[in-house]
Amino acid sequence: MKIIETDNISKRYIMGTEIVDALKSVSISIDKGEYVAFMGPSGSGKSTLMNIIGCLDSPTGGSYTLNGKDVSDMSENELAEIRNKEIGFVFQTFNLLPRQSSLENVALPLIYAGFNKSARTERAQSVLESVGLGDRSHHKPNELSGGQRQRVAVARALVNNPSILLADEPTGNLDTKTSYEIMELFEEIHTQGNTIIMVTHEEDIAQYAHRIIRLRDGLVESDTRNENPTNPREMAAKLAAEKE
């Protein structure tokens, strides 16, 4: 089942007298349950494509269908509703509220979805446990390590059972060991049937995905299956062995 279909989408920005074609004609389709990386150098269009797929922006031309709905021409309010229901976001900078506990941060999307407090607490605690942080639910972000903060961010992204987990440079602020741990968590999430789209400029991180779409100058340069994705557990074990 196709979860994402873009048909010749383009995105043009007018900046003063300059016209920037960030995307020129991009057609891709992604099936439910796929694990895909968008790669490309700065200015390739990968962030613009991510913003359109994440319903944070709309294309200038072409069409985008998400889970059977054409979202190309939706209003801001309609896009916000789709984002909350269909997409879980994970950002490089975690984007956690500093004065809120892990549990409160994870429960936040459920407020917008209309859950009552007891249902929010129960669901948020359950998702925190699923990412290995059940015992950190009352800790605030400054009481957590970088890896734990990213796990809280992943839990928040998953709390609404979204159709897609969209991760923008998810290991950008993490050390090597913690990056392996987050990639291991992504692999677990993927094996449970979730669709993951990861944006990265790091080749070694892209190799964890099962399909790699490379962009250059606003166009798809290549779209290939990764027949031998990196195993994060093996990489973590290798790193541990090197330190002994």
C-alpha atoms as a PDB file:
ATOM      1  CA  MET A   1       0.000   0.000   0.000  1.00  0.00           C
ATOM      2  CA  LYS A   2       1.362   3.410  -1.024  1.00  0.00           C
ATOM      3  CA  ILE A   3       1.558   5.806   1.904  1.00  0.00           C
ATOM      4  CA  ILE A   4       3.346   8.656   0.071  1.00  0.00           C
ATOM      5  CA  GLU A   5       3.058   9.608  -3.594  1.00  0.00           C
ATOM      6  CA  THR A   6       4.456  12.780  -5.101  1.00  0.00           C
ATOM      7  CA  ASP A   7       3.750  13.518  -8.750  1.00  0.00           C
ATOM      8  CA  ASN A   8       6.100  16.044 -10.372  1.00  0.00           C
ATOM      9  CA  ILE A   9       6.171  18.281  -7.294  1.00  0.00           C
ATOM     10  CA  SER A  10       8.132  21.489  -7.520  1.00  0.00           C
ATOM     11  CA  LYS A  11       8.887  24.241  -5.036  1.00  0.00           C
ATOM     12  CA  ARG A  12       9.854  27.754  -6.067  1.00  0.00           C
ATOM     13  CA  TYR A  13      10.884  30.496  -3.679  1.00  0.00           C
ATOM     14  CA  ILE A  14      11.027  34.147  -4.733  1.00  0.00           C
ATOM     15  CA  MET A  15      13.618  36.004  -2.665  1.00  0.00           C
ATOM     16  CA  GLY A  16      13.648  39.620  -3.748  1.00  0.00           C
ATOM     17  CA  THR A  17      14.682  39.560  -7.410  1.00  0.00           C
ATOM     18  CA  GLU A  18      16.047  36.014  -7.185  1.00  0.00           C
ATOM     19  CA  ILE A  19      14.019  32.905  -8.040  1.00  0.00           C
ATOM     20  CA  VAL A  20      15.128  29.685  -6.342  1.00  0.00           C
ATOM     21  CA  ASP A  21      13.809  26.358  -7.639  1.00  0.00           C
ATOM     22  CA  ALA A  22      14.372  24.198  -4.552  1.00  0.00           C
ATOM     23  CA  LEU A  23      12.540  21.237  -6.135  1.00  0.00           C
ATOM     24  CA  LYS A  24      12.185  20.922  -9.886  1.00  0.00           C
ATOM     25  CA  SER A  25      10.054  17.859 -10.622  1.00  0.00           C
ATOM     26  CA  VAL A  26      10.144  15.145  -8.007  1.00  0.00           C
ATOM     27  CA  SER A  27       8.062  11.990  -8.320  1.00  0.00           C
ATOM     28  CA  ILE A  28       8.507   9.344  -5.639  1.00  0.00           C
ATOM     29  CA  SER A  29       6.300   6.744  -3.983  1.00  0.00           C
ATOM     30  CA  ILE A  30       6.876   5.120  -0.612  1.00  0.00           C
ATOM     31  CA  ASP A  31       5.034   2.053   0.640  1.00  0.00           C
ATOM     32  CA  LYS A  32       3.673   1.566   4.133  1.00  0.00           C
ATOM     33  CA  GLY A  33       6.371   0.057   6.364  1.00  0.00           C
ATOM     34  CA  GLU A  34       9.375   1.233   4.342  1.00  0.00           C
ATOM     35  CA  TYR A  35      12.541   2.660   5.942  1.00  0.00           C
ATOM     36  CA  VAL A  36      13.866   5.367   3.613  1.00  0.00           C
ATOM     37  CA  ALA A  37      16.709   7.893   3.821  1.00  0.00           C
ATOM     38  CA  PHE A  38      16.749  11.158   1.878  1.00  0.00           C
ATOM     39  CA  MET A  39      20.346  12.135   1.181  1.00  0.00           C
ATOM     40  CA  GLY A  40      22.036  15.015  -0.547  1.00  0.00           C
ATOM     41  CA  PRO A  41      24.405  17.919  -0.060  1.00  0.00           C
ATOM     42  CA  SER A  42      23.308  21.294   1.285  1.00  0.00           C
ATOM     43  CA  GLY A  43      20.990  22.918  -1.269  1.00  0.00           C
ATOM     44  CA  SER A  44      19.991  19.602  -2.860  1.00  0.00           C
ATOM     45  CA  GLY A  45      16.317  20.003  -1.928  1.00  0.00           C
ATOM     46  CA  LYS A  46      16.141  17.239   0.698  1.00  0.00           C
ATOM     47  CA  SER A  47      14.940  19.562   3.488  1.00  0.00           C
ATOM     48  CA  THR A  48      12.341  21.146   1.181  1.00  0.00           C
ATOM     49  CA  LEU A  49      11.103  17.679   0.224  1.00  0.00           C
ATOM     50  CA  MET A  50      10.950  16.700   3.898  1.00  0.00           C
ATOM     51  CA  ASN A  51       8.943  19.843   4.728  1.00  0.00           C
ATOM     52  CA  ILE A  52       6.422  19.065   1.971  1.00  0.00           C
ATOM     53  CA  ILE A  53       6.113  15.403   2.970  1.00  0.00           C
ATOM     54  CA  GLY A  54       5.750  16.506   6.593  1.00  0.00           C
ATOM     55  CA  CYS A  55       2.944  18.938   5.618  1.00  0.00           C
ATOM     56  CA  LEU A  56       5.008  21.850   6.939  1.00  0.00           C
ATOM     57  CA  ASP A  57       4.961  23.391   3.442  1.00  0.00           C
ATOM     58  CA  SER A  58       3.011  22.996   0.202  1.00  0.00           C
ATOM     59  CA  PRO A  59       4.411  22.411  -3.281  1.00  0.00           C
ATOM     60  CA  THR A  60       4.309  25.172  -5.899  1.00  0.00           C
ATOM     61  CA  GLY A  61       3.375  22.639  -8.576  1.00  0.00           C
ATOM     62  CA  GLY A  62       2.474  18.958  -8.851  1.00  0.00           C
ATOM     63  CA  SER A  63       0.536  16.881  -6.346  1.00  0.00           C
ATOM     64  CA  TYR A  64       1.250  15.112  -3.064  1.00  0.00           C
ATOM     65  CA  THR A  65      -0.940  12.294  -1.773  1.00  0.00           C
ATOM     66  CA  LEU A  66      -0.507  11.139   1.829  1.00  0.00           C
ATOM     67  CA  ASN A  67      -2.326   8.003   2.932  1.00  0.00           C
ATOM     68  CA  GLY A  68      -4.814   8.369   0.091  1.00  0.00           C
ATOM     69  CA  LYS A  69      -5.506  12.082   0.691  1.00  0.00           C
ATOM     70  CA  ASP A  70      -4.368  14.817  -1.699  1.00  0.00           C
ATOM     71  CA  VAL A  71      -2.773  17.343   0.632  1.00  0.00           C
ATOM     72  CA  SER A  72      -1.244  19.593  -2.058  1.00  0.00           C
ATOM     73  CA  ASP A  73      -3.790  22.414  -1.745  1.00  0.00           C
ATOM     74  CA  MET A  74      -4.908  22.064   1.864  1.00  0.00           C
ATOM     75  CA  SER A  75      -5.282  25.110   4.119  1.00  0.00           C
ATOM     76  CA  GLU A  76      -2.929  25.736   7.058  1.00  0.00           C
ATOM     77  CA  ASN A  77      -5.528  24.403   9.514  1.00  0.00           C
ATOM     78  CA  GLU A  78      -6.109  21.259   7.458  1.00  0.00           C
ATOM     79  CA  LEU A  79      -2.358  20.677   7.194  1.00  0.00           C
ATOM     80  CA  ALA A  80      -1.969  21.120  10.965  1.00  0.00           C
ATOM     81  CA  GLU A  81      -4.632  18.468  11.562  1.00  0.00           C
ATOM     82  CA  ILE A  82      -2.954  16.060   9.126  1.00  0.00           C
ATOM     83  CA  ARG A  83       0.428  16.669  10.792  1.00  0.00           C
ATOM     84  CA  ASN A  84      -0.941  15.865  14.236  1.00  0.00           C
ATOM     85  CA  LYS A  85      -2.720  12.691  13.103  1.00  0.00           C
ATOM     86  CA  GLU A  86      -0.402  11.271  10.468  1.00  0.00           C
ATOM     87  CA  ILE A  87       3.185  12.393  11.149  1.00  0.00           C
ATOM     88  CA  GLY A  88       5.572  12.036  14.059  1.00  0.00           C
ATOM     89  CA  PHE A  89       8.561  14.402  13.910  1.00  0.00           C
ATOM     90  CA  VAL A  90      12.045  13.820  15.333  1.00  0.00           C
ATOM     91  CA  PHE A  91      14.467  16.742  15.078  1.00  0.00           C
ATOM     92  CA  GLN A  92      18.224  17.085  15.450  1.00  0.00           C
ATOM     93  CA  THR A  93      17.773  19.558  18.323  1.00  0.00           C
ATOM     94  CA  PHE A  94      15.144  17.399  20.138  1.00  0.00           C
ATOM     95  CA  ASN A  95      12.712  20.392  20.497  1.00  0.00           C
ATOM     96  CA  LEU A  96      11.665  19.423  24.029  1.00  0.00           C
ATOM     97  CA  LEU A  97      10.024  21.900  26.413  1.00  0.00           C
ATOM     98  CA  PRO A  98      12.679  22.495  29.095  1.00  0.00           C
ATOM     99  CA  ARG A  99      10.316  22.975  32.062  1.00  0.00           C
ATOM    100  CA  GLN A 100       8.193  19.936  31.283  1.00  0.00           C
ATOM    101  CA  SER A 101       8.958  16.387  32.396  1.00  0.00           C
ATOM    102  CA  SER A 102       9.605  13.601  29.898  1.00  0.00           C
ATOM    103  CA  LEU A 103       6.045  12.387  30.438  1.00  0.00           C
ATOM    104  CA  GLU A 104       4.571  15.854  29.836  1.00  0.00           C
ATOM    105  CA  ASN A 105       6.667  16.342  26.686  1.00  0.00           C
ATOM    106  CA  VAL A 106       5.557  12.989  25.274  1.00  0.00           C
ATOM    107  CA  ALA A 107       1.895  13.621  26.158  1.00  0.00           C
ATOM    108  CA  LEU A 108       1.790  17.015  24.420  1.00  0.00           C
ATOM    109  CA  PRO A 109       0.456  15.836  21.003  1.00  0.00           C
ATOM    110  CA  LEU A 110      -2.355  13.999  22.813  1.00  0.00           C
ATOM    111  CA  ILE A 111      -3.656  17.314  24.202  1.00  0.00           C
ATOM    112  CA  TYR A 112      -4.225  18.538  20.630  1.00  0.00           C
ATOM    113  CA  ALA A 113      -5.791  15.185  19.771  1.00  0.00           C
ATOM    114  CA  GLY A 114      -8.375  15.638  22.547  1.00  0.00           C
ATOM    115  CA  PHE A 115      -7.333  12.879  24.997  1.00  0.00           C
ATOM    116  CA  ASN A 116      -8.246  13.385  28.667  1.00  0.00           C
ATOM    117  CA  LYS A 117      -5.472  13.625  31.261  1.00  0.00           C
ATOM    118  CA  SER A 118      -5.565  10.047  32.535  1.00  0.00           C
ATOM    119  CA  ALA A 119      -5.554   8.645  28.976  1.00  0.00           C
ATOM    120  CA  ARG A 120      -2.654  10.964  28.060  1.00  0.00           C
ATOM    121  CA  THR A 121      -0.623   9.892  31.089  1.00  0.00           C
ATOM    122  CA  GLU A 122      -1.229   6.188  30.488  1.00  0.00           C
ATOM    123  CA  ARG A 123      -0.355   6.366  26.779  1.00  0.00           C
ATOM    124  CA  ALA A 124       2.726   8.583  27.301  1.00  0.00           C
ATOM    125  CA  GLN A 125       4.086   6.303  30.048  1.00  0.00           C
ATOM    126  CA  SER A 126       3.558   3.247  27.850  1.00  0.00           C
ATOM    127  CA  VAL A 127       5.466   4.807  24.929  1.00  0.00           C
ATOM    128  CA  LEU A 128       8.297   5.973  27.211  1.00  0.00           C
ATOM    129  CA  GLU A 129       8.635   2.376  28.412  1.00  0.00           C
ATOM    130  CA  SER A 130       8.753   1.171  24.815  1.00  0.00           C
ATOM    131  CA  VAL A 131      11.827   3.364  24.159  1.00  0.00           C
ATOM    132  CA  GLY A 132      13.539   2.266  27.371  1.00  0.00           C
ATOM    133  CA  LEU A 133      12.795   5.350  29.476  1.00  0.00           C
ATOM    134  CA  GLY A 134       9.958   4.200  31.727  1.00  0.00           C
ATOM    135  CA  ASP A 135      12.052   5.107  34.791  1.00  0.00           C
ATOM    136  CA  ARG A 136      12.811   8.634  33.515  1.00  0.00           C
ATOM    137  CA  SER A 137       9.246   9.867  33.086  1.00  0.00           C
ATOM    138  CA  HIS A 138       9.529  12.598  35.739  1.00  0.00           C
ATOM    139  CA  HIS A 139      12.954  13.858  34.657  1.00  0.00           C
ATOM    140  CA  LYS A 140      13.221  17.164  32.817  1.00  0.00           C
ATOM    141  CA  PRO A 141      15.353  17.472  29.646  1.00  0.00           C
ATOM    142  CA  ASN A 142      18.334  18.996  31.513  1.00  0.00           C
ATOM    143  CA  GLU A 143      18.399  15.903  33.755  1.00  0.00           C
ATOM    144  CA  LEU A 144      18.813  13.577  30.758  1.00  0.00           C
ATOM    145  CA  SER A 145      21.703  12.716  28.456  1.00  0.00           C
ATOM    146  CA  GLY A 146      21.564  13.645  24.751  1.00  0.00           C
ATOM    147  CA  GLY A 147      20.586  10.100  23.819  1.00  0.00           C
ATOM    148  CA  GLN A 148      17.836  10.015  26.441  1.00  0.00           C
ATOM    149  CA  ARG A 149      16.502  13.353  25.190  1.00  0.00           C
ATOM    150  CA  GLN A 150      16.338  11.989  21.662  1.00  0.00           C
ATOM    151  CA  ARG A 151      14.481   8.911  22.962  1.00  0.00           C
ATOM    152  CA  VAL A 152      11.951  11.221  24.615  1.00  0.00           C
ATOM    153  CA  ALA A 153      11.599  13.021  21.270  1.00  0.00           C
ATOM    154  CA  VAL A 154      11.074   9.671  19.498  1.00  0.00           C
ATOM    155  CA  ALA A 155       8.456   8.665  22.091  1.00  0.00           C
ATOM    156  CA  ARG A 156       6.646  11.994  21.549  1.00  0.00           C
ATOM    157  CA  ALA A 157       6.713  11.364  17.784  1.00  0.00           C
ATOM    158  CA  LEU A 158       5.175   7.898  18.244  1.00  0.00           C
ATOM    159  CA  VAL A 159       2.551   8.727  20.874  1.00  0.00           C
ATOM    160  CA  ASN A 160      -0.224   9.402  18.325  1.00  0.00           C
ATOM    161  CA  ASN A 161       0.421   6.195  16.349  1.00  0.00           C
ATOM    162  CA  PRO A 162       1.348   8.237  13.252  1.00  0.00           C
ATOM    163  CA  SER A 163       1.467   6.847   9.717  1.00  0.00           C
ATOM    164  CA  ILE A 164       5.033   8.139   9.268  1.00  0.00           C
ATOM    165  CA  LEU A 165       7.992   8.804  11.539  1.00  0.00           C
ATOM    166  CA  LEU A 166       9.894  11.704   9.938  1.00  0.00           C
ATOM    167  CA  ALA A 167      13.400  12.223  11.324  1.00  0.00           C
ATOM    168  CA  ASP A 168      15.527  15.237  10.372  1.00  0.00           C
ATOM    169  CA  GLU A 169      19.245  14.579  11.049  1.00  0.00           C
ATOM    170  CA  PRO A 170      18.268  12.518  14.139  1.00  0.00           C
ATOM    171  CA  THR A 171      21.873  11.800  15.181  1.00  0.00           C
ATOM    172  CA  GLY A 172      23.310  15.227  14.317  1.00  0.00           C
ATOM    173  CA  ASN A 173      23.866  16.221  17.966  1.00  0.00           C
ATOM    174  CA  LEU A 174      24.873  12.793  19.276  1.00  0.00           C
ATOM    175  CA  ASP A 175      28.191  11.001  19.771  1.00  0.00           C
ATOM    176  CA  THR A 176      28.986   7.794  17.874  1.00  0.00           C
ATOM    177  CA  LYS A 177      27.855   5.325  20.544  1.00  0.00           C
ATOM    178  CA  THR A 178      24.582   7.187  21.165  1.00  0.00           C
ATOM    179  CA  SER A 179      23.976   7.413  17.405  1.00  0.00           C
ATOM    180  CA  TYR A 180      24.162   3.602  17.197  1.00  0.00           C
ATOM    181  CA  GLU A 181      21.663   3.339  20.059  1.00  0.00           C
ATOM    182  CA  ILE A 182      19.196   5.689  18.353  1.00  0.00           C
ATOM    183  CA  MET A 183      19.613   3.807  15.059  1.00  0.00           C
ATOM    184  CA  GLU A 184      18.943   0.561  16.940  1.00  0.00           C
ATOM    185  CA  LEU A 185      15.742   2.103  18.306  1.00  0.00           C
ATOM    186  CA  PHE A 186      14.723   3.138  14.767  1.00  0.00           C
ATOM    187  CA  GLU A 187      15.327  -0.417  13.551  1.00  0.00           C
ATOM    188  CA  GLU A 188      13.074  -1.771  16.325  1.00  0.00           C
ATOM    189  CA  ILE A 189      10.372   0.761  15.408  1.00  0.00           C
ATOM    190  CA  HIS A 190      10.665  -0.257  11.755  1.00  0.00           C
ATOM    191  CA  THR A 191      10.366  -3.986  12.527  1.00  0.00           C
ATOM    192  CA  GLN A 192       7.059  -3.230  14.256  1.00  0.00           C
ATOM    193  CA  GLY A 193       5.691  -2.090  10.876  1.00  0.00           C
ATOM    194  CA  ASN A 194       6.236   1.666  11.122  1.00  0.00           C
ATOM    195  CA  THR A 195       7.176   3.779   8.100  1.00  0.00           C
ATOM    196  CA  ILE A 196      10.369   5.759   8.705  1.00  0.00           C
ATOM    197  CA  ILE A 197      11.740   8.586   6.560  1.00  0.00           C
ATOM    198  CA  MET A 198      15.087   9.942   7.665  1.00  0.00           C
ATOM    199  CA  VAL A 199      16.821  13.021   6.266  1.00  0.00           C
ATOM    200  CA  THR A 200      20.598  12.988   6.608  1.00  0.00           C
ATOM    201  CA  HIS A 201      23.759  14.237   4.926  1.00  0.00           C
ATOM    202  CA  GLU A 202      25.846  11.534   6.651  1.00  0.00           C
ATOM    203  CA  GLU A 203      26.558   8.520   4.459  1.00  0.00           C
ATOM    204  CA  ASP A 204      27.087   6.118   7.372  1.00  0.00           C
ATOM    205  CA  ILE A 205      23.722   7.071   8.921  1.00  0.00           C
ATOM    206  CA  ALA A 206      21.903   6.702   5.588  1.00  0.00           C
ATOM    207  CA  GLN A 207      23.242   3.135   5.348  1.00  0.00           C
ATOM    208  CA  TYR A 208      20.928   2.059   8.200  1.00  0.00           C
ATOM    209  CA  ALA A 209      17.926   2.683   5.931  1.00  0.00           C
ATOM    210  CA  HIS A 210      16.620   0.008   3.569  1.00  0.00           C
ATOM    211  CA  ARG A 211      16.208   2.436   0.662  1.00  0.00           C
ATOM    212  CA  ILE A 212      18.203   5.564  -0.161  1.00  0.00           C
ATOM    213  CA  ILE A 213      16.864   8.428  -2.293  1.00  0.00           C
ATOM    214  CA  ARG A 214      19.619  10.877  -3.273  1.00  0.00           C
ATOM    215  CA  LEU A 215      18.781  14.412  -4.341  1.00  0.00           C
ATOM    216  CA  ARG A 216      20.896  16.950  -6.168  1.00  0.00           C
ATOM    217  CA  ASP A 217      19.901  20.394  -7.467  1.00  0.00           C
ATOM    218  CA  GLY A 218      16.214  19.811  -6.726  1.00  0.00           C
ATOM    219  CA  LEU A 219      15.985  16.521  -8.612  1.00  0.00           C
ATOM    220  CA  VAL A 220      16.127  12.849  -7.681  1.00  0.00           C
ATOM    221  CA  GLU A 221      19.626  11.733  -8.632  1.00  0.00           C
ATOM    222  CA  SER A 222      19.138   8.081  -7.642  1.00  0.00           C
ATOM    223  CA  ASP A 223      16.656   5.860  -5.824  1.00  0.00           C
ATOM    224  CA  THR A 224      18.107   2.522  -4.753  1.00  0.00           C
ATOM    225  CA  ARG A 225      17.371  -0.383  -2.447  1.00  0.00           C
ATOM    226  CA  ASN A 226      19.993  -0.892   0.245  1.00  0.00           C
ATOM    227  CA  GLU A 227      20.401  -4.662   0.048  1.00  0.00           C
ATOM    228  CA  ASN A 228      22.704  -4.792   3.067  1.00  0.00           C
ATOM    229  CA  PRO A 229      21.669  -2.146   5.610  1.00  0.00           C
ATOM    230  CA  THR A 230      23.988  -1.505   8.540  1.00  0.00           C
ATOM    231  CA  ASN A 231      23.085  -3.462  11.664  1.00  0.00           C
ATOM    232  CA  PRO A 232      23.173  -1.002  14.608  1.00  0.00           C
ATOM    233  CA  ARG A 233      23.563  -3.762  17.207  1.00  0.00           C
ATOM    234  CA  GLU A 234      26.654  -5.101  15.459  1.00  0.00           C
ATOM    235  CA  MET A 235      28.125  -1.590  15.229  1.00  0.00           C
ATOM    236  CA  ALA A 236      27.540  -0.981  18.955  1.00  0.00           C
ATOM    237  CA  ALA A 237      29.199  -4.312  19.812  1.00  0.00           C
ATOM    238  CA  LYS A 238      32.157  -3.487  17.559  1.00  0.00           C
ATOM    239  CA  LEU A 239      32.610  -0.092  19.251  1.00  0.00           C
ATOM    240  CA  ALA A 240      32.486  -1.715  22.698  1.00  0.00           C
ATOM    241  CA  ALA A 241      35.092  -4.302  21.651  1.00  0.00           C
ATOM    242  CA  GLU A 242      37.408  -1.567  20.346  1.00  0.00           C
ATOM    243  CA  LYS A 243      37.278   0.205  23.725  1.00  0.00           C
ATOM    244  CA  GLU A 244      38.248  -2.915  25.702  1.00  0.00           C
END
